[in-house]
Amino acid sequence: MCFATGDRPTQQRKVAGLVTAKAKCEQRHLFFTRYFFKYRQGIRFHLNWHHALIADTVQKVIDGELKNVVINMPPCSSKTELVAINLIARQNSVSIFMLTPSIFRWMQV
């Protein structure tokens, strides 16, 4: 492997890739689901049309466009993965960065 031609990824490229992934995870629910599914399950998330439909609906809930949503689908259609697991994880990851030091004052015991 030749270091002069840039065949090996540099630390800057890795950091840039992580920054890009972070931004995409914050913006799109389906990207967040696919990105973290690989790390949690060890396999790739196989995307189908109904996953995009559920993710779009969940994204509208996150954006405040929809208030009350009921998703009725048969078992094993990834409802739990998209709605219960990843929606909660995504909201927790976004909310934790929004906390300010003033919020921590009332939490201290």
N, C-alpha and C. Protein backbone atom coordinates (compact mmCIF):
# COMPACT_ATOMS: atom_id res chain seq x y z
N MET A 1 0.84 -1.17 0.00
CA MET A 1 0.00 0.00 0.00
C MET A 1 0.89 1.24 0.00
N CYS A 2 0.63 2.11 -0.90
CA CYS A 2 1.45 3.30 -1.06
C CYS A 2 0.86 4.46 -0.25
N PHE A 3 1.63 4.99 0.68
CA PHE A 3 1.15 6.09 1.51
C PHE A 3 1.19 7.41 0.74
N ALA A 4 2.07 7.53 -0.23
CA ALA A 4 2.19 8.78 -0.97
C ALA A 4 0.98 9.04 -1.85
N THR A 5 0.37 7.99 -2.39
CA THR A 5 -0.77 8.19 -3.30
C THR A 5 -2.09 8.28 -2.55
N GLY A 6 -2.07 8.06 -1.27
CA GLY A 6 -3.30 8.20 -0.49
C GLY A 6 -4.21 6.98 -0.55
N ASP A 7 -3.64 5.80 -0.75
CA ASP A 7 -4.45 4.58 -0.79
C ASP A 7 -5.04 4.25 0.57
N ARG A 8 -4.34 4.60 1.60
CA ARG A 8 -4.81 4.29 2.95
C ARG A 8 -5.61 5.48 3.49
N PRO A 9 -6.80 5.21 4.06
CA PRO A 9 -7.59 6.33 4.57
C PRO A 9 -6.88 7.04 5.72
N THR A 10 -6.87 8.32 5.66
CA THR A 10 -6.22 9.10 6.70
C THR A 10 -7.19 9.33 7.84
N GLN A 11 -6.66 9.81 8.94
CA GLN A 11 -7.48 10.12 10.11
C GLN A 11 -8.50 11.20 9.77
N GLN A 12 -8.10 12.16 8.94
CA GLN A 12 -8.99 13.25 8.55
C GLN A 12 -10.19 12.72 7.76
N ARG A 13 -9.94 11.75 6.87
CA ARG A 13 -11.05 11.18 6.10
C ARG A 13 -12.00 10.41 7.00
N LYS A 14 -11.46 9.70 7.98
CA LYS A 14 -12.31 8.95 8.91
C LYS A 14 -13.18 9.91 9.72
N VAL A 15 -12.58 10.97 10.20
CA VAL A 15 -13.33 11.96 10.98
C VAL A 15 -14.39 12.62 10.11
N ALA A 16 -14.03 12.95 8.87
CA ALA A 16 -14.99 13.57 7.96
C ALA A 16 -16.16 12.62 7.68
N GLY A 17 -15.85 11.32 7.54
CA GLY A 17 -16.91 10.34 7.34
C GLY A 17 -17.84 10.23 8.53
N LEU A 18 -17.28 10.29 9.72
CA LEU A 18 -18.10 10.24 10.94
C LEU A 18 -18.96 11.49 11.09
N VAL A 19 -18.40 12.63 10.75
CA VAL A 19 -19.16 13.88 10.83
C VAL A 19 -20.32 13.85 9.85
N THR A 20 -20.06 13.34 8.64
CA THR A 20 -21.12 13.21 7.64
C THR A 20 -22.19 12.24 8.10
N ALA A 21 -21.79 11.10 8.65
CA ALA A 21 -22.76 10.12 9.14
C ALA A 21 -23.58 10.70 10.29
N LYS A 22 -22.95 11.46 11.17
CA LYS A 22 -23.68 12.08 12.28
C LYS A 22 -24.74 13.04 11.77
N ALA A 23 -24.38 13.84 10.79
CA ALA A 23 -25.34 14.80 10.23
C ALA A 23 -26.51 14.07 9.56
N LYS A 24 -26.21 13.01 8.82
CA LYS A 24 -27.28 12.24 8.17
C LYS A 24 -28.17 11.55 9.19
N CYS A 25 -27.57 11.04 10.26
CA CYS A 25 -28.35 10.38 11.32
C CYS A 25 -29.30 11.36 11.99
N GLU A 26 -28.87 12.60 12.15
CA GLU A 26 -29.71 13.61 12.79
C GLU A 26 -30.84 14.07 11.87
N GLN A 27 -30.65 13.96 10.56
CA GLN A 27 -31.64 14.46 9.61
C GLN A 27 -32.63 13.41 9.13
N ARG A 28 -32.20 12.15 9.00
CA ARG A 28 -33.05 11.13 8.39
C ARG A 28 -33.16 9.89 9.27
N HIS A 29 -34.38 9.54 9.57
CA HIS A 29 -34.62 8.38 10.45
C HIS A 29 -34.20 7.07 9.79
N LEU A 30 -34.43 6.93 8.51
CA LEU A 30 -34.07 5.68 7.83
C LEU A 30 -32.56 5.48 7.81
N PHE A 31 -31.80 6.55 7.62
CA PHE A 31 -30.34 6.43 7.66
C PHE A 31 -29.88 6.03 9.06
N PHE A 32 -30.47 6.65 10.08
CA PHE A 32 -30.13 6.30 11.47
C PHE A 32 -30.38 4.81 11.72
N THR A 33 -31.54 4.33 11.27
CA THR A 33 -31.90 2.92 11.47
C THR A 33 -30.92 2.00 10.78
N ARG A 34 -30.61 2.27 9.54
CA ARG A 34 -29.70 1.41 8.78
C ARG A 34 -28.28 1.46 9.34
N TYR A 35 -27.85 2.64 9.76
CA TYR A 35 -26.49 2.81 10.27
C TYR A 35 -26.28 2.02 11.56
N PHE A 36 -27.23 2.15 12.49
CA PHE A 36 -27.04 1.50 13.78
C PHE A 36 -27.50 0.04 13.79
N PHE A 37 -28.33 -0.37 12.86
CA PHE A 37 -28.73 -1.77 12.76
C PHE A 37 -27.50 -2.64 12.49
N LYS A 38 -26.63 -2.16 11.62
CA LYS A 38 -25.41 -2.91 11.28
C LYS A 38 -24.54 -3.12 12.52
N TYR A 39 -24.44 -2.13 13.38
CA TYR A 39 -23.61 -2.27 14.58
C TYR A 39 -24.29 -3.10 15.66
N ARG A 40 -25.60 -3.00 15.77
CA ARG A 40 -26.29 -3.75 16.81
C ARG A 40 -26.47 -5.22 16.44
N GLN A 41 -26.84 -5.48 15.19
CA GLN A 41 -27.16 -6.85 14.78
C GLN A 41 -26.00 -7.56 14.09
N GLY A 42 -25.07 -6.80 13.54
CA GLY A 42 -23.94 -7.40 12.85
C GLY A 42 -24.24 -7.75 11.40
N ILE A 43 -25.41 -7.39 10.91
CA ILE A 43 -25.77 -7.64 9.52
C ILE A 43 -26.36 -6.36 8.93
N ARG A 44 -26.43 -6.33 7.61
CA ARG A 44 -26.97 -5.17 6.91
C ARG A 44 -28.49 -5.15 7.00
N PHE A 45 -29.07 -3.97 7.13
CA PHE A 45 -30.53 -3.81 7.15
C PHE A 45 -31.02 -3.89 5.71
N HIS A 46 -31.83 -4.91 5.40
CA HIS A 46 -32.35 -5.09 4.05
C HIS A 46 -33.58 -4.22 3.87
N LEU A 47 -33.45 -3.22 3.03
CA LEU A 47 -34.48 -2.21 2.85
C LEU A 47 -35.55 -2.67 1.87
N ASN A 48 -36.81 -2.41 2.22
CA ASN A 48 -37.94 -2.68 1.35
C ASN A 48 -38.81 -1.43 1.31
N TRP A 49 -39.80 -1.39 0.45
CA TRP A 49 -40.62 -0.19 0.27
C TRP A 49 -41.34 0.21 1.55
N HIS A 50 -41.79 -0.76 2.34
CA HIS A 50 -42.54 -0.42 3.54
C HIS A 50 -41.64 0.19 4.62
N HIS A 51 -40.35 -0.11 4.62
CA HIS A 51 -39.43 0.51 5.56
C HIS A 51 -39.32 2.01 5.28
N ALA A 52 -39.23 2.36 4.01
CA ALA A 52 -39.15 3.78 3.64
C ALA A 52 -40.45 4.50 4.02
N LEU A 53 -41.58 3.83 3.85
CA LEU A 53 -42.86 4.43 4.20
C LEU A 53 -42.98 4.66 5.70
N ILE A 54 -42.61 3.67 6.49
CA ILE A 54 -42.63 3.82 7.95
C ILE A 54 -41.66 4.91 8.39
N ALA A 55 -40.44 4.90 7.83
CA ALA A 55 -39.43 5.89 8.21
C ALA A 55 -39.88 7.31 7.84
N ASP A 56 -40.53 7.47 6.69
CA ASP A 56 -41.04 8.79 6.32
C ASP A 56 -42.11 9.26 7.30
N THR A 57 -42.98 8.35 7.70
CA THR A 57 -44.02 8.69 8.67
C THR A 57 -43.42 9.07 10.02
N VAL A 58 -42.44 8.30 10.46
CA VAL A 58 -41.76 8.59 11.73
C VAL A 58 -41.04 9.93 11.65
N GLN A 59 -40.43 10.22 10.50
CA GLN A 59 -39.74 11.49 10.32
C GLN A 59 -40.72 12.65 10.41
N LYS A 60 -41.93 12.47 9.88
CA LYS A 60 -42.96 13.52 9.98
C LYS A 60 -43.39 13.74 11.42
N VAL A 61 -43.41 12.67 12.20
CA VAL A 61 -43.72 12.80 13.63
C VAL A 61 -42.60 13.58 14.33
N ILE A 62 -41.36 13.25 14.01
CA ILE A 62 -40.22 13.95 14.62
C ILE A 62 -40.24 15.43 14.25
N ASP A 63 -40.56 15.73 13.00
CA ASP A 63 -40.58 17.11 12.52
C ASP A 63 -41.80 17.89 13.01
N GLY A 64 -42.77 17.20 13.60
CA GLY A 64 -43.95 17.86 14.12
C GLY A 64 -45.08 18.02 13.11
N GLU A 65 -44.96 17.40 11.95
CA GLU A 65 -46.00 17.49 10.93
C GLU A 65 -47.21 16.61 11.28
N LEU A 66 -46.96 15.50 11.96
CA LEU A 66 -48.02 14.58 12.39
C LEU A 66 -48.01 14.48 13.91
N LYS A 67 -49.18 14.38 14.50
CA LYS A 67 -49.28 14.28 15.96
C LYS A 67 -49.61 12.86 16.41
N ASN A 68 -50.68 12.29 15.88
CA ASN A 68 -51.11 10.96 16.30
C ASN A 68 -50.97 9.99 15.13
N VAL A 69 -50.22 8.94 15.33
CA VAL A 69 -49.98 7.97 14.26
C VAL A 69 -50.16 6.57 14.82
N VAL A 70 -50.87 5.75 14.06
CA VAL A 70 -51.00 4.33 14.38
C VAL A 70 -50.46 3.56 13.19
N ILE A 71 -49.53 2.66 13.44
CA ILE A 71 -48.95 1.85 12.37
C ILE A 71 -49.44 0.42 12.57
N ASN A 72 -50.30 -0.03 11.66
CA ASN A 72 -50.84 -1.38 11.69
C ASN A 72 -50.20 -2.20 10.60
N MET A 73 -49.38 -3.15 10.98
CA MET A 73 -48.72 -4.03 10.02
C MET A 73 -48.60 -5.41 10.64
N PRO A 74 -48.43 -6.43 9.80
CA PRO A 74 -48.26 -7.77 10.34
C PRO A 74 -46.93 -7.92 11.08
N PRO A 75 -46.81 -8.95 11.89
CA PRO A 75 -45.54 -9.18 12.60
C PRO A 75 -44.38 -9.36 11.63
N CYS A 76 -43.19 -9.13 12.13
CA CYS A 76 -41.94 -9.29 11.38
C CYS A 76 -41.83 -8.34 10.20
N SER A 77 -42.36 -7.13 10.34
CA SER A 77 -42.23 -6.14 9.27
C SER A 77 -41.35 -4.96 9.71
N SER A 78 -40.60 -5.14 10.77
CA SER A 78 -39.63 -4.17 11.29
C SER A 78 -40.25 -2.96 11.98
N LYS A 79 -41.50 -3.08 12.41
CA LYS A 79 -42.12 -1.98 13.16
C LYS A 79 -41.34 -1.68 14.43
N THR A 80 -41.03 -2.70 15.17
CA THR A 80 -40.32 -2.52 16.44
C THR A 80 -38.96 -1.88 16.20
N GLU A 81 -38.26 -2.33 15.19
CA GLU A 81 -36.93 -1.79 14.88
C GLU A 81 -37.01 -0.31 14.52
N LEU A 82 -37.94 0.04 13.65
CA LEU A 82 -38.03 1.41 13.16
C LEU A 82 -38.68 2.37 14.16
N VAL A 83 -39.69 1.91 14.87
CA VAL A 83 -40.45 2.82 15.72
C VAL A 83 -40.00 2.76 17.17
N ALA A 84 -40.03 1.61 17.76
CA ALA A 84 -39.75 1.52 19.19
C ALA A 84 -38.26 1.67 19.50
N ILE A 85 -37.43 0.89 18.87
CA ILE A 85 -36.01 0.87 19.22
C ILE A 85 -35.30 2.12 18.72
N ASN A 86 -35.36 2.37 17.41
CA ASN A 86 -34.56 3.45 16.83
C ASN A 86 -35.14 4.84 17.03
N LEU A 87 -36.44 4.96 17.12
CA LEU A 87 -37.02 6.28 17.38
C LEU A 87 -36.61 6.76 18.77
N ILE A 88 -36.70 5.88 19.74
CA ILE A 88 -36.31 6.25 21.10
C ILE A 88 -34.81 6.53 21.17
N ALA A 89 -34.01 5.68 20.54
CA ALA A 89 -32.56 5.89 20.55
C ALA A 89 -32.18 7.19 19.86
N ARG A 90 -32.83 7.48 18.75
CA ARG A 90 -32.51 8.71 18.01
C ARG A 90 -32.91 9.95 18.81
N GLN A 91 -34.07 9.93 19.40
CA GLN A 91 -34.50 11.08 20.20
C GLN A 91 -33.60 11.28 21.41
N ASN A 92 -33.18 10.19 22.04
CA ASN A 92 -32.27 10.30 23.18
C ASN A 92 -30.92 10.87 22.76
N SER A 93 -30.41 10.44 21.61
CA SER A 93 -29.11 10.92 21.17
C SER A 93 -29.17 12.39 20.78
N VAL A 94 -30.27 12.83 20.18
CA VAL A 94 -30.41 14.25 19.82
C VAL A 94 -30.65 15.09 21.06
N SER A 95 -31.49 14.61 21.98
CA SER A 95 -31.84 15.38 23.17
C SER A 95 -30.65 15.58 24.10
N ILE A 96 -29.77 14.63 24.17
CA ILE A 96 -28.65 14.72 25.10
C ILE A 96 -27.72 15.86 24.72
N PHE A 97 -27.61 16.15 23.41
CA PHE A 97 -26.75 17.25 22.98
C PHE A 97 -27.42 18.60 23.12
N MET A 98 -28.74 18.61 23.34
CA MET A 98 -29.46 19.87 23.50
C MET A 98 -29.48 20.34 24.96
N LEU A 99 -29.08 19.50 25.88
CA LEU A 99 -29.07 19.88 27.28
C LEU A 99 -28.02 20.97 27.53
N THR A 100 -28.39 21.93 28.30
CA THR A 100 -27.45 22.99 28.65
C THR A 100 -27.04 22.81 30.11
N PRO A 101 -25.95 23.44 30.53
CA PRO A 101 -25.52 23.31 31.93
C PRO A 101 -26.58 23.77 32.92
N SER A 102 -27.44 24.72 32.53
CA SER A 102 -28.46 25.18 33.46
C SER A 102 -29.47 24.08 33.78
N ILE A 103 -29.70 23.18 32.86
CA ILE A 103 -30.62 22.07 33.10
C ILE A 103 -30.04 21.11 34.12
N PHE A 104 -28.72 20.93 34.09
CA PHE A 104 -28.09 20.00 35.01
C PHE A 104 -28.15 20.49 36.46
N ARG A 105 -28.31 21.79 36.69
CA ARG A 105 -28.35 22.31 38.06
C ARG A 105 -29.48 21.71 38.87
N TRP A 106 -30.68 21.65 38.29
CA TRP A 106 -31.82 21.11 39.06
C TRP A 106 -31.76 19.60 39.15
N MET A 107 -30.93 18.96 38.33
CA MET A 107 -30.82 17.50 38.39
C MET A 107 -29.84 17.05 39.46
N GLN A 108 -29.00 17.93 39.94
CA GLN A 108 -27.99 17.55 40.91
C GLN A 108 -28.63 17.27 42.27
N VAL A 109 -28.12 16.26 42.95
CA VAL A 109 -28.66 15.88 44.25
C VAL A 109 -27.75 16.39 45.35
